[in-house]
N, C-alpha and C. Protein backbone atom coordinates (compact mmCIF):
# COMPACT_ATOMS: atom_id res chain seq x y z
N ALA A 1 -12.01 13.08 30.03
CA ALA A 1 -11.53 13.90 28.81
C ALA A 1 -10.31 13.21 28.55
N GLU A 2 -9.56 13.39 29.31
CA GLU A 2 -8.28 13.20 29.14
C GLU A 2 -7.86 11.79 28.82
N GLU A 3 -8.75 10.80 29.41
CA GLU A 3 -8.74 9.11 29.05
C GLU A 3 -9.26 8.92 27.70
N GLY A 4 -10.46 9.88 27.38
CA GLY A 4 -10.90 9.61 25.96
C GLY A 4 -9.61 10.34 24.98
N ALA A 5 -9.09 11.28 25.25
CA ALA A 5 -8.16 11.88 24.21
C ALA A 5 -6.98 10.77 24.22
N MET A 6 -6.43 9.90 25.09
CA MET A 6 -5.43 9.12 24.79
C MET A 6 -5.94 7.51 24.23
N ARG A 7 -7.36 7.47 24.59
CA ARG A 7 -7.39 6.18 23.63
C ARG A 7 -7.59 6.62 22.20
N GLU A 8 -8.10 7.72 21.91
CA GLU A 8 -8.46 8.31 20.62
C GLU A 8 -6.91 8.18 20.07
N LEU A 9 -6.19 8.62 20.57
CA LEU A 9 -4.46 8.58 20.12
C LEU A 9 -4.04 7.35 19.93
N LEU A 10 -4.09 6.40 20.76
CA LEU A 10 -3.96 5.08 20.65
C LEU A 10 -4.46 4.32 19.81
N LEU A 11 -5.80 4.49 19.23
CA LEU A 11 -6.75 4.14 18.24
C LEU A 11 -6.10 4.68 16.86
N ALA A 12 -5.64 6.03 16.90
CA ALA A 12 -5.09 6.55 15.59
C ALA A 12 -3.92 5.88 15.53
N LEU A 13 -2.88 5.44 16.38
CA LEU A 13 -1.36 4.99 16.16
C LEU A 13 -1.75 3.60 15.44
N VAL A 14 -2.44 2.91 16.46
CA VAL A 14 -2.80 1.19 16.32
C VAL A 14 -3.60 1.26 14.56
N SER A 15 -4.40 2.45 14.26
CA SER A 15 -4.84 2.31 12.91
C SER A 15 -4.03 2.57 11.98
N LEU A 16 -2.72 2.98 12.08
CA LEU A 16 -1.52 3.37 10.95
C LEU A 16 -0.30 2.29 11.37
N LEU A 17 -0.76 1.27 11.96
CA LEU A 17 0.39 0.28 12.27
C LEU A 17 0.91 -0.51 10.83
N PRO A 18 -0.25 -0.88 10.35
CA PRO A 18 0.29 -1.65 9.42
C PRO A 18 0.67 -0.97 7.74
N ALA A 19 0.77 0.33 8.15
CA ALA A 19 1.76 1.23 7.18
C ALA A 19 3.12 0.87 7.39
N VAL A 20 3.44 0.63 8.96
CA VAL A 20 4.85 0.67 9.12
C VAL A 20 5.14 -0.94 8.98
N TYR A 21 4.70 -1.77 8.64
CA TYR A 21 5.10 -3.19 8.29
C TYR A 21 5.16 -3.25 6.86
N LEU A 22 4.47 -2.45 5.65
CA LEU A 22 4.47 -2.36 4.45
C LEU A 22 6.09 -2.83 3.88
N PRO A 23 7.44 -2.06 4.52
CA PRO A 23 8.45 -2.55 3.81
C PRO A 23 8.92 -3.77 3.73
N VAL A 24 8.70 -4.38 5.18
CA VAL A 24 8.95 -5.57 4.91
C VAL A 24 8.26 -6.55 4.21
N LEU A 25 6.71 -6.32 4.23
CA LEU A 25 5.97 -7.19 3.37
C LEU A 25 6.35 -6.80 1.61
N VAL A 26 6.75 -5.89 1.45
CA VAL A 26 6.95 -5.46 -0.01
C VAL A 26 8.26 -6.35 -0.43
N THR A 27 9.42 -6.46 0.57
CA THR A 27 10.51 -7.20 0.25
C THR A 27 10.07 -8.65 0.03
N GLN A 28 9.22 -9.37 0.21
CA GLN A 28 8.83 -10.29 0.17
C GLN A 28 8.00 -10.77 -1.20
N VAL A 29 7.53 -9.77 -1.79
CA VAL A 29 6.54 -9.89 -3.24
C VAL A 29 7.40 -11.16 -4.13
N PRO A 30 8.53 -10.90 -4.27
CA PRO A 30 9.04 -11.80 -5.40
C PRO A 30 9.29 -13.25 -4.74
N GLY A 31 9.49 -13.30 -3.68
CA GLY A 31 9.35 -14.90 -3.26
C GLY A 31 8.07 -15.82 -3.05
N SER A 32 8.78 -17.07 -3.67
CA SER A 32 7.36 -17.79 -3.91
C SER A 32 7.92 -19.37 -3.75
N ALA A 33 7.21 -20.31 -3.47
CA ALA A 33 7.44 -21.71 -3.47
C ALA A 33 7.40 -22.12 -4.82
N TRP A 34 6.79 -21.42 -5.57
CA TRP A 34 6.28 -21.79 -7.23
C TRP A 34 7.22 -21.23 -8.02
N HIS A 35 8.27 -20.65 -7.70
CA HIS A 35 9.08 -19.45 -8.36
C HIS A 35 9.66 -20.13 -9.86
N ARG A 36 9.67 -21.70 -9.75
CA ARG A 36 9.80 -22.05 -11.40
C ARG A 36 8.73 -21.56 -12.47
N ALA A 37 7.66 -21.33 -12.16
CA ALA A 37 6.52 -20.95 -12.99
C ALA A 37 6.68 -19.64 -13.31
N ARG A 38 7.56 -18.84 -12.86
CA ARG A 38 7.82 -17.46 -13.40
C ARG A 38 8.12 -17.39 -14.80
N TRP A 39 8.08 -17.96 -15.68
CA TRP A 39 8.06 -18.19 -17.31
C TRP A 39 6.66 -17.56 -17.69
N LEU A 40 5.77 -17.69 -16.70
CA LEU A 40 4.06 -17.19 -17.06
C LEU A 40 4.18 -16.02 -16.92
N VAL A 41 4.81 -15.64 -16.11
CA VAL A 41 4.92 -13.71 -15.63
C VAL A 41 5.46 -13.21 -16.83
N GLU A 42 6.36 -13.57 -17.12
CA GLU A 42 7.49 -13.07 -17.78
C GLU A 42 7.21 -13.20 -19.23
N SER A 43 6.09 -14.49 -19.78
CA SER A 43 5.89 -14.48 -21.24
C SER A 43 4.66 -13.85 -21.47
N ALA A 44 4.09 -13.33 -20.59
CA ALA A 44 2.77 -12.83 -20.34
C ALA A 44 2.60 -11.48 -21.41
N PRO A 45 1.70 -11.44 -22.25
CA PRO A 45 1.94 -10.39 -23.12
C PRO A 45 1.51 -9.17 -22.35
N VAL A 46 1.89 -8.68 -21.15
CA VAL A 46 1.70 -7.51 -20.24
C VAL A 46 2.78 -6.80 -19.62
N PRO A 47 2.65 -5.49 -19.98
CA PRO A 47 3.83 -4.82 -19.86
C PRO A 47 4.53 -5.05 -18.16
N ALA A 48 5.17 -4.72 -17.87
CA ALA A 48 5.86 -4.65 -16.44
C ALA A 48 4.93 -3.87 -15.66
N PRO A 49 4.71 -2.54 -16.04
CA PRO A 49 3.70 -1.71 -15.42
C PRO A 49 2.36 -2.43 -15.02
N ALA A 50 1.86 -3.12 -15.70
CA ALA A 50 0.66 -3.54 -15.60
C ALA A 50 0.91 -4.77 -14.15
N VAL A 51 1.95 -5.43 -14.50
CA VAL A 51 2.19 -6.44 -13.43
C VAL A 51 2.54 -5.84 -12.01
N GLN A 52 3.32 -5.07 -12.17
CA GLN A 52 3.44 -4.01 -10.75
C GLN A 52 2.04 -3.44 -10.37
N ASN A 53 0.97 -3.05 -11.29
CA ASN A 53 -0.05 -2.35 -10.52
C ASN A 53 -0.86 -3.43 -9.90
N ALA A 54 -0.69 -4.82 -10.84
CA ALA A 54 -1.68 -5.64 -10.42
C ALA A 54 -1.08 -6.16 -8.94
N THR A 55 0.36 -6.31 -8.59
CA THR A 55 0.74 -6.99 -7.35
C THR A 55 0.52 -5.84 -6.38
N ILE A 56 0.30 -4.34 -6.64
CA ILE A 56 -0.11 -3.56 -5.79
C ILE A 56 -1.55 -4.04 -5.50
N LYS A 57 -2.57 -4.17 -5.95
CA LYS A 57 -3.72 -4.53 -5.82
C LYS A 57 -3.98 -5.73 -5.19
N ALA A 58 -2.96 -7.03 -5.50
CA ALA A 58 -3.02 -8.05 -4.89
C ALA A 58 -2.60 -8.20 -3.61
N LEU A 59 -1.41 -7.10 -3.12
CA LEU A 59 -1.15 -6.86 -1.69
C LEU A 59 -2.34 -5.98 -1.08
N ALA A 60 -2.66 -5.10 -1.57
CA ALA A 60 -3.92 -4.37 -0.99
C ALA A 60 -4.86 -5.42 -0.62
N VAL A 61 -5.60 -6.12 -1.34
CA VAL A 61 -6.64 -6.99 -1.14
C VAL A 61 -6.28 -8.06 -0.29
N ARG A 62 -5.11 -8.86 -0.18
CA ARG A 62 -4.69 -9.91 0.58
C ARG A 62 -4.19 -9.82 1.90
N PHE A 63 -3.61 -8.51 1.94
CA PHE A 63 -2.84 -7.92 3.26
C PHE A 63 -3.39 -6.92 3.77
N LEU A 64 -3.35 -5.77 3.31
CA LEU A 64 -4.06 -4.72 3.92
C LEU A 64 -5.56 -4.54 4.31
N LEU A 65 -6.09 -4.80 2.89
CA LEU A 65 -7.68 -4.97 3.90
C LEU A 65 -8.03 -5.83 4.56
N PRO A 66 -7.49 -7.01 4.96
CA PRO A 66 -7.76 -7.81 6.02
C PRO A 66 -7.56 -7.24 7.37
N ALA A 67 -5.96 -6.44 7.51
CA ALA A 67 -5.64 -6.06 8.69
C ALA A 67 -6.78 -4.90 8.76
N TYR A 68 -6.98 -4.17 7.75
CA TYR A 68 -7.93 -2.84 8.48
C TYR A 68 -9.41 -3.31 8.79
N VAL A 69 -9.76 -4.53 8.07
CA VAL A 69 -11.10 -5.16 8.59
C VAL A 69 -11.05 -5.41 10.01
N VAL A 70 -9.94 -6.22 10.55
CA VAL A 70 -9.95 -6.36 11.63
C VAL A 70 -9.74 -5.18 12.65
N LEU A 71 -8.68 -4.55 12.38
CA LEU A 71 -8.78 -3.19 12.79
C LEU A 71 -10.11 -2.30 13.13
N GLY A 72 -10.87 -2.71 12.28
CA GLY A 72 -12.22 -1.55 12.29
C GLY A 72 -13.05 -2.19 13.14
N ALA A 73 -12.88 -3.70 12.98
CA ALA A 73 -13.99 -4.61 13.92
C ALA A 73 -13.53 -4.31 15.25
N LEU A 74 -12.24 -4.33 15.72
CA LEU A 74 -11.72 -4.13 17.10
C LEU A 74 -12.03 -2.72 17.64
N THR A 75 -12.20 -1.75 16.50
CA THR A 75 -12.47 -0.31 17.11
C THR A 75 -14.23 -0.33 17.37
N VAL A 76 -14.94 -1.18 16.09
CA VAL A 76 -16.44 -1.28 16.75
C VAL A 76 -16.61 -2.08 17.84
N TRP A 77 -15.83 -2.95 18.11
CA TRP A 77 -16.04 -3.94 19.37
C TRP A 77 -15.92 -3.25 20.59
N SER A 78 -15.06 -2.04 20.35
CA SER A 78 -14.61 -1.43 21.52
C SER A 78 -15.37 0.05 21.92
N GLY A 79 -16.74 -0.09 20.92
CA GLY A 79 -17.82 0.86 21.24
C GLY A 79 -17.25 2.38 20.63
N GLU A 80 -16.64 2.20 19.64
CA GLU A 80 -16.18 3.22 18.81
C GLU A 80 -16.34 3.51 17.22
N LEU A 81 -17.67 3.37 17.11
CA LEU A 81 -18.06 3.18 15.60
C LEU A 81 -17.45 4.26 14.98
N ALA A 82 -18.01 5.19 15.31
CA ALA A 82 -17.41 6.94 14.66
C ALA A 82 -15.81 6.89 14.57
N LEU A 83 -14.90 6.24 15.20
CA LEU A 83 -13.77 6.12 14.95
C LEU A 83 -13.22 5.45 14.02
N VAL A 84 -13.94 4.45 13.63
CA VAL A 84 -13.72 3.64 12.27
C VAL A 84 -13.54 4.55 11.12
N VAL A 85 -14.62 5.15 10.90
CA VAL A 85 -14.55 6.17 9.88
C VAL A 85 -13.46 7.09 10.16
N ARG A 86 -13.35 7.80 11.58
CA ARG A 86 -12.22 8.97 11.36
C ARG A 86 -10.88 8.17 11.45
N PHE A 87 -10.40 7.02 12.07
CA PHE A 87 -8.90 6.33 11.82
C PHE A 87 -8.78 5.31 10.68
N THR A 88 -9.67 4.52 10.89
CA THR A 88 -9.72 3.29 9.79
C THR A 88 -9.47 3.58 8.75
N VAL A 89 -10.44 3.66 8.12
CA VAL A 89 -10.51 4.32 6.74
C VAL A 89 -9.50 5.23 6.26
N PRO A 90 -9.19 6.35 6.92
CA PRO A 90 -7.98 7.20 6.17
C PRO A 90 -6.63 6.24 6.36
N GLY A 91 -6.36 5.54 7.35
CA GLY A 91 -5.23 4.85 7.67
C GLY A 91 -5.32 3.81 6.49
N TYR A 92 -6.15 3.08 6.27
CA TYR A 92 -6.08 2.21 4.93
C TYR A 92 -5.53 3.01 3.80
N LEU A 93 -6.59 4.05 3.57
CA LEU A 93 -6.06 4.83 2.09
C LEU A 93 -4.42 5.30 2.06
N LEU A 94 -3.98 5.43 3.33
CA LEU A 94 -2.57 5.95 3.54
C LEU A 94 -1.70 4.72 3.28
N ALA A 95 -1.98 3.98 3.94
CA ALA A 95 -1.29 2.73 3.71
C ALA A 95 -1.40 2.14 2.29
N LEU A 96 -2.41 2.35 1.45
CA LEU A 96 -2.47 1.84 0.09
C LEU A 96 -1.82 3.09 -0.68
N TRP A 97 -1.70 4.15 -0.54
CA TRP A 97 -0.88 4.98 -0.96
C TRP A 97 0.90 4.68 -0.92
N MET A 98 0.98 4.42 0.55
CA MET A 98 2.56 4.03 0.61
C MET A 98 3.03 2.96 -0.12
N LEU A 99 2.17 1.88 0.13
CA LEU A 99 2.26 0.61 -0.76
C LEU A 99 2.61 0.87 -2.32
N ARG A 100 1.75 1.58 -2.64
CA ARG A 100 1.84 2.29 -4.21
C ARG A 100 3.57 2.41 -4.58
N GLY A 101 3.75 3.26 -3.51
CA GLY A 101 5.12 4.02 -3.67
C GLY A 101 6.25 2.91 -3.52
N LEU A 102 6.36 2.33 -2.46
CA LEU A 102 7.02 1.25 -2.07
C LEU A 102 7.23 -0.04 -3.39
N VAL A 103 6.21 -0.34 -3.52
CA VAL A 103 6.35 -1.45 -4.63
C VAL A 103 7.11 -0.85 -6.04
N VAL A 104 6.62 0.29 -6.41
CA VAL A 104 7.00 0.98 -7.40
C VAL A 104 8.77 1.26 -7.30
N LYS A 105 8.86 1.91 -6.09
CA LYS A 105 10.25 2.08 -5.75
C LYS A 105 11.56 1.12 -5.43
N THR A 106 11.08 -0.38 -4.77
CA THR A 106 11.56 -1.00 -4.10
C THR A 106 11.51 -2.61 -5.04
N VAL A 107 10.62 -2.89 -5.72
CA VAL A 107 10.47 -4.20 -6.05
C VAL A 107 10.93 -4.39 -7.50
N GLU A 108 11.93 -5.21 -7.40
CA GLU A 108 12.75 -5.34 -8.66
C GLU A 108 12.60 -6.53 -9.54
N ASP A 109 11.92 -7.44 -8.83
CA ASP A 109 11.84 -8.80 -9.59
C ASP A 109 10.08 -8.97 -9.44
N PRO A 110 9.87 -10.01 -10.87
CA PRO A 110 8.60 -10.26 -10.99
C PRO A 110 7.95 -10.94 -9.55
N PRO A 111 6.57 -10.75 -9.23
CA PRO A 111 5.87 -11.32 -8.20
C PRO A 111 6.43 -12.68 -8.14
N LEU A 112 6.43 -13.47 -7.38
CA LEU A 112 6.54 -14.80 -7.44
C LEU A 112 7.47 -15.50 -8.05
N SER A 113 8.46 -15.04 -8.17
CA SER A 113 9.57 -15.18 -9.22
C SER A 113 11.15 -15.69 -8.81
N VAL A 114 11.33 -15.54 -7.67
CA VAL A 114 12.58 -16.01 -6.63
C VAL A 114 12.02 -16.99 -5.67
N ALA A 115 13.00 -18.01 -5.21
CA ALA A 115 12.72 -18.90 -4.16
C ALA A 115 12.81 -18.19 -2.88
N PRO A 116 12.16 -18.63 -1.86
CA PRO A 116 11.99 -17.96 -0.53
C PRO A 116 13.33 -17.42 -0.17
N GLU A 117 14.22 -18.65 0.03
CA GLU A 117 15.80 -18.27 0.53
C GLU A 117 16.58 -17.41 -0.42
N ASP A 118 16.23 -17.33 -1.74
CA ASP A 118 17.02 -16.60 -2.57
C ASP A 118 16.34 -15.06 -2.22
N VAL A 119 15.69 -14.79 -1.85
CA VAL A 119 15.41 -13.33 -1.59
C VAL A 119 16.02 -12.55 -1.04
N VAL A 120 16.67 -11.23 -2.17
CA VAL A 120 17.44 -10.32 -1.44
C VAL A 120 17.10 -9.28 -0.83
N THR A 121 17.06 -8.49 0.13
CA THR A 121 16.56 -7.38 0.89
C THR A 121 17.61 -6.51 1.03
N ARG A 122 17.55 -5.54 0.18
CA ARG A 122 18.88 -4.24 -0.03
C ARG A 122 18.52 -3.72 1.62
N LEU A 123 19.35 -3.49 2.19
CA LEU A 123 19.02 -2.51 3.77
C LEU A 123 19.60 -1.60 3.66
N GLU A 124 20.07 -0.96 2.41
CA GLU A 124 20.58 0.47 2.44
C GLU A 124 19.18 1.71 2.54
N TRP A 125 18.23 1.22 2.41
CA TRP A 125 17.07 2.11 2.36
C TRP A 125 16.29 1.60 3.57
N SER A 126 16.32 0.70 4.32
CA SER A 126 15.48 0.25 5.61
C SER A 126 15.36 1.43 6.36
N GLN A 127 16.78 1.81 6.90
CA GLN A 127 16.80 2.84 7.98
C GLN A 127 15.87 4.16 7.58
N VAL A 128 15.91 4.46 6.24
CA VAL A 128 15.26 5.89 5.64
C VAL A 128 13.78 5.60 5.53
N MET A 129 13.52 4.29 5.38
CA MET A 129 12.27 3.91 5.23
C MET A 129 11.35 3.93 6.62
N LEU A 130 12.02 3.25 7.56
CA LEU A 130 11.43 3.05 8.79
C LEU A 130 11.20 4.42 9.50
N THR A 131 12.36 5.35 9.19
CA THR A 131 12.30 6.79 9.53
C THR A 131 10.97 7.45 8.84
N LEU A 132 11.08 7.23 7.65
CA LEU A 132 9.88 7.93 6.97
C LEU A 132 8.59 7.49 7.57
N ALA A 133 8.48 5.86 7.76
CA ALA A 133 7.29 5.40 8.07
C ALA A 133 6.95 5.95 9.47
N MET A 134 7.95 6.12 10.29
CA MET A 134 7.34 6.53 12.08
C MET A 134 7.14 7.89 11.75
N VAL A 135 7.76 8.79 11.04
CA VAL A 135 7.56 10.12 10.74
C VAL A 135 6.06 10.62 10.12
N ALA A 136 5.76 9.50 9.13
CA ALA A 136 4.18 9.29 8.46
C ALA A 136 3.10 9.06 9.48
N VAL A 137 3.62 8.06 10.17
CA VAL A 137 2.59 7.40 11.00
C VAL A 137 2.24 8.68 12.21
N ALA A 138 3.45 9.09 12.66
CA ALA A 138 3.25 10.11 13.98
C ALA A 138 2.32 11.46 13.02
N GLY A 139 2.97 11.95 12.09
CA GLY A 139 2.00 13.01 11.49
C GLY A 139 0.57 12.58 10.96
N ALA A 140 0.32 11.47 10.53
CA ALA A 140 -0.86 10.83 10.33
C ALA A 140 -1.98 10.86 11.60
N ALA A 141 -1.09 10.18 12.66
CA ALA A 141 -1.85 10.27 14.04
C ALA A 141 -1.94 11.77 14.15
N GLY A 142 -1.55 12.89 14.48
CA GLY A 142 -1.62 14.08 14.67
C GLY A 142 -2.50 14.69 13.79
N LEU A 143 -2.61 14.29 12.37
CA LEU A 143 -3.67 14.76 11.75
C LEU A 143 -5.04 14.18 11.81
N ALA A 144 -5.17 12.86 12.28
CA ALA A 144 -6.22 11.98 12.30
C ALA A 144 -7.01 12.81 13.63
N LEU A 145 -6.11 12.95 14.65
CA LEU A 145 -6.40 13.61 15.81
C LEU A 145 -7.24 14.86 15.67
N ALA A 146 -6.38 15.67 14.94
CA ALA A 146 -7.00 17.04 14.52
C ALA A 146 -8.26 17.13 13.69
N VAL A 147 -8.57 15.79 12.74
CA VAL A 147 -9.68 15.83 12.38
C VAL A 147 -10.78 15.13 13.17
N ASP A 148 -11.44 16.25 13.88
CA ASP A 148 -12.26 15.67 14.98
C ASP A 148 -13.72 15.74 14.70
N THR A 149 -14.02 16.25 13.20
CA THR A 149 -15.52 16.58 12.93
C THR A 149 -15.56 15.70 11.83
N ALA A 150 -16.87 15.53 11.38
CA ALA A 150 -17.35 15.01 10.34
C ALA A 150 -16.92 15.25 9.15
N PRO A 151 -17.14 16.86 8.69
CA PRO A 151 -16.60 17.20 7.40
C PRO A 151 -15.44 17.37 7.32
N ARG A 152 -14.34 17.54 8.31
CA ARG A 152 -12.85 17.31 8.33
C ARG A 152 -12.46 15.96 7.86
N THR A 153 -13.16 15.06 8.69
CA THR A 153 -12.69 13.60 8.22
C THR A 153 -13.13 13.27 6.60
N ALA A 154 -14.38 13.80 6.30
CA ALA A 154 -14.58 13.66 4.96
C ALA A 154 -13.58 14.47 4.19
N ALA A 155 -13.20 15.63 4.35
CA ALA A 155 -12.25 16.02 3.46
C ALA A 155 -11.05 15.20 3.57
N LEU A 156 -10.62 14.67 4.71
CA LEU A 156 -9.07 14.08 4.90
C LEU A 156 -9.26 12.66 3.58
N ILE A 157 -10.41 11.78 3.91
CA ILE A 157 -10.83 10.86 3.01
C ILE A 157 -10.58 11.32 1.58
N ALA A 158 -11.16 12.32 1.21
CA ALA A 158 -11.42 12.59 0.11
C ALA A 158 -9.85 12.91 -0.73
N VAL A 159 -9.23 13.54 0.14
CA VAL A 159 -7.70 13.87 -0.36
C VAL A 159 -6.96 12.63 -0.36
N LEU A 160 -7.03 11.57 0.85
CA LEU A 160 -6.44 10.33 0.52
C LEU A 160 -6.73 9.67 -0.78
N LEU A 161 -8.20 9.67 -0.93
CA LEU A 161 -8.90 8.59 -2.02
C LEU A 161 -8.32 9.41 -3.59
N ALA A 162 -8.34 10.80 -3.73
CA ALA A 162 -7.64 11.55 -4.51
C ALA A 162 -6.42 11.07 -4.79
N LEU A 163 -5.36 10.87 -3.86
CA LEU A 163 -4.12 10.79 -3.88
C LEU A 163 -4.05 9.46 -4.91
N GLU A 164 -4.79 8.34 -3.98
CA GLU A 164 -4.98 7.12 -4.50
C GLU A 164 -5.04 6.85 -6.02
N VAL A 165 -6.45 7.16 -6.33
CA VAL A 165 -6.70 7.47 -7.65
C VAL A 165 -5.95 8.01 -8.63
N ALA A 166 -5.20 9.15 -8.37
CA ALA A 166 -3.96 9.72 -9.22
C ALA A 166 -2.69 8.79 -9.52
N SER A 167 -2.58 8.28 -8.13
CA SER A 167 -1.32 7.42 -8.24
C SER A 167 -1.93 5.97 -9.37
N ASP A 168 -2.99 5.78 -9.27
CA ASP A 168 -3.25 4.46 -9.87
C ASP A 168 -3.19 5.10 -11.33
N ARG A 169 -4.18 5.82 -11.77
CA ARG A 169 -3.73 6.74 -13.25
C ARG A 169 -2.89 6.71 -13.56
N ALA A 170 -1.88 7.15 -13.00
CA ALA A 170 -0.51 7.51 -13.47
C ALA A 170 0.24 6.11 -13.78
N GLN A 171 -0.10 5.13 -12.94
CA GLN A 171 0.55 3.91 -12.88
C GLN A 171 -0.01 3.09 -14.18
N ARG A 172 -1.29 3.20 -14.61
CA ARG A 172 -2.10 2.65 -15.82
C ARG A 172 -1.28 3.30 -16.83
N ARG A 173 -1.21 4.98 -17.19
CA ARG A 173 -0.66 5.80 -18.02
C ARG A 173 0.79 4.83 -18.75
N ARG A 174 1.54 4.58 -17.43
CA ARG A 174 2.82 3.90 -17.78
C ARG A 174 2.85 2.47 -18.25
N SER A 175 1.80 2.23 -17.62
CA SER A 175 1.45 0.89 -18.52
C SER A 175 1.22 0.88 -19.96
N ALA A 176 0.27 1.82 -20.35
CA ALA A 176 -0.06 2.03 -21.58
C ALA A 176 0.95 2.46 -22.40
N ARG A 177 1.92 3.41 -21.79
CA ARG A 177 3.29 3.65 -22.61
C ARG A 177 4.01 2.67 -22.64
N ALA A 178 4.17 1.84 -21.93
CA ALA A 178 4.97 0.55 -21.80
C ALA A 178 4.49 -0.53 -23.03
N GLU A 179 3.10 -0.73 -23.21
CA GLU A 179 2.77 -1.49 -23.86
C GLU A 179 3.18 -0.96 -25.56
N LEU A 180 2.57 0.71 -25.71
CA LEU A 180 2.79 1.05 -26.82
C LEU A 180 4.29 1.01 -27.41
N LYS A 181 5.02 1.24 -26.57
CA LYS A 181 6.67 1.13 -26.89
C LYS A 181 6.91 -0.61 -27.50
N GLY A 182 6.18 -1.18 -26.65
CA GLY A 182 6.44 -2.80 -27.20
C GLY A 182 5.88 -3.42 -28.44
N VAL A 183 4.80 -2.78 -29.01
CA VAL A 183 4.02 -2.94 -30.10
C VAL A 183 4.76 -2.04 -30.85
N ALA A 184 5.43 -0.89 -30.89
CA ALA A 184 6.23 -0.29 -31.87
C ALA A 184 7.37 -0.96 -32.06
N ALA A 185 8.05 -1.44 -31.14
CA ALA A 185 9.45 -2.30 -31.01
C ALA A 185 9.37 -3.40 -31.71
N SER A 186 8.11 -4.23 -31.76
CA SER A 186 7.91 -5.31 -32.50
C SER A 186 7.54 -5.33 -33.88
N GLY A 187 7.18 -3.98 -34.39
CA GLY A 187 6.61 -3.71 -35.63
C GLY A 187 5.36 -3.97 -36.39
N PRO A 188 4.89 -3.81 -37.12
CA PRO A 188 3.62 -4.32 -37.44
C PRO A 188 3.50 -5.80 -37.58
N ARG A 189 2.19 -6.14 -37.33
CA ARG A 189 1.80 -7.60 -37.18
C ARG A 189 1.54 -8.15 -38.81
N ALA A 190 1.78 -9.32 -38.79
CA ALA A 190 1.36 -9.82 -40.13
C ALA A 190 0.06 -10.71 -40.39
């Protein structure tokens, strides 16, 4: 029984590890070998919050989702199908929620707009972010272990999904307000 509990704790922690590397991933968002095409993003008739939201979704689909698919597959391969739902799904949703907050708070340049060697990483927030990530992972792992029944797991997933949907809607509202301000500032169209 103790070996099973340790295995669950290990799987809970591993399922939350992608959330720990998010600060490093987010600092690289502006970097691109094609940074000279930055004018495409800057001249697009899209408000900055919409670009920010698209950046979050691109990172979620291109980096987080594959990481969690692999983690889920490894968990299934280890013979623990129930733990995929219990740990991997909430881990993905938590990482997605953290990603949204990190991009909104820390990414200053548009995506793909800076030469890779010119990407600036402000380290004054790194210790705080690392500490918060470690506390979040430890807390989430403890919560995941406490959520040991199907109804509790469903409730945890519902709460995390509600957080993500609320965050996405708030981002969309900011984007719509920014777009309205841009239209109002430019005056009526001829």
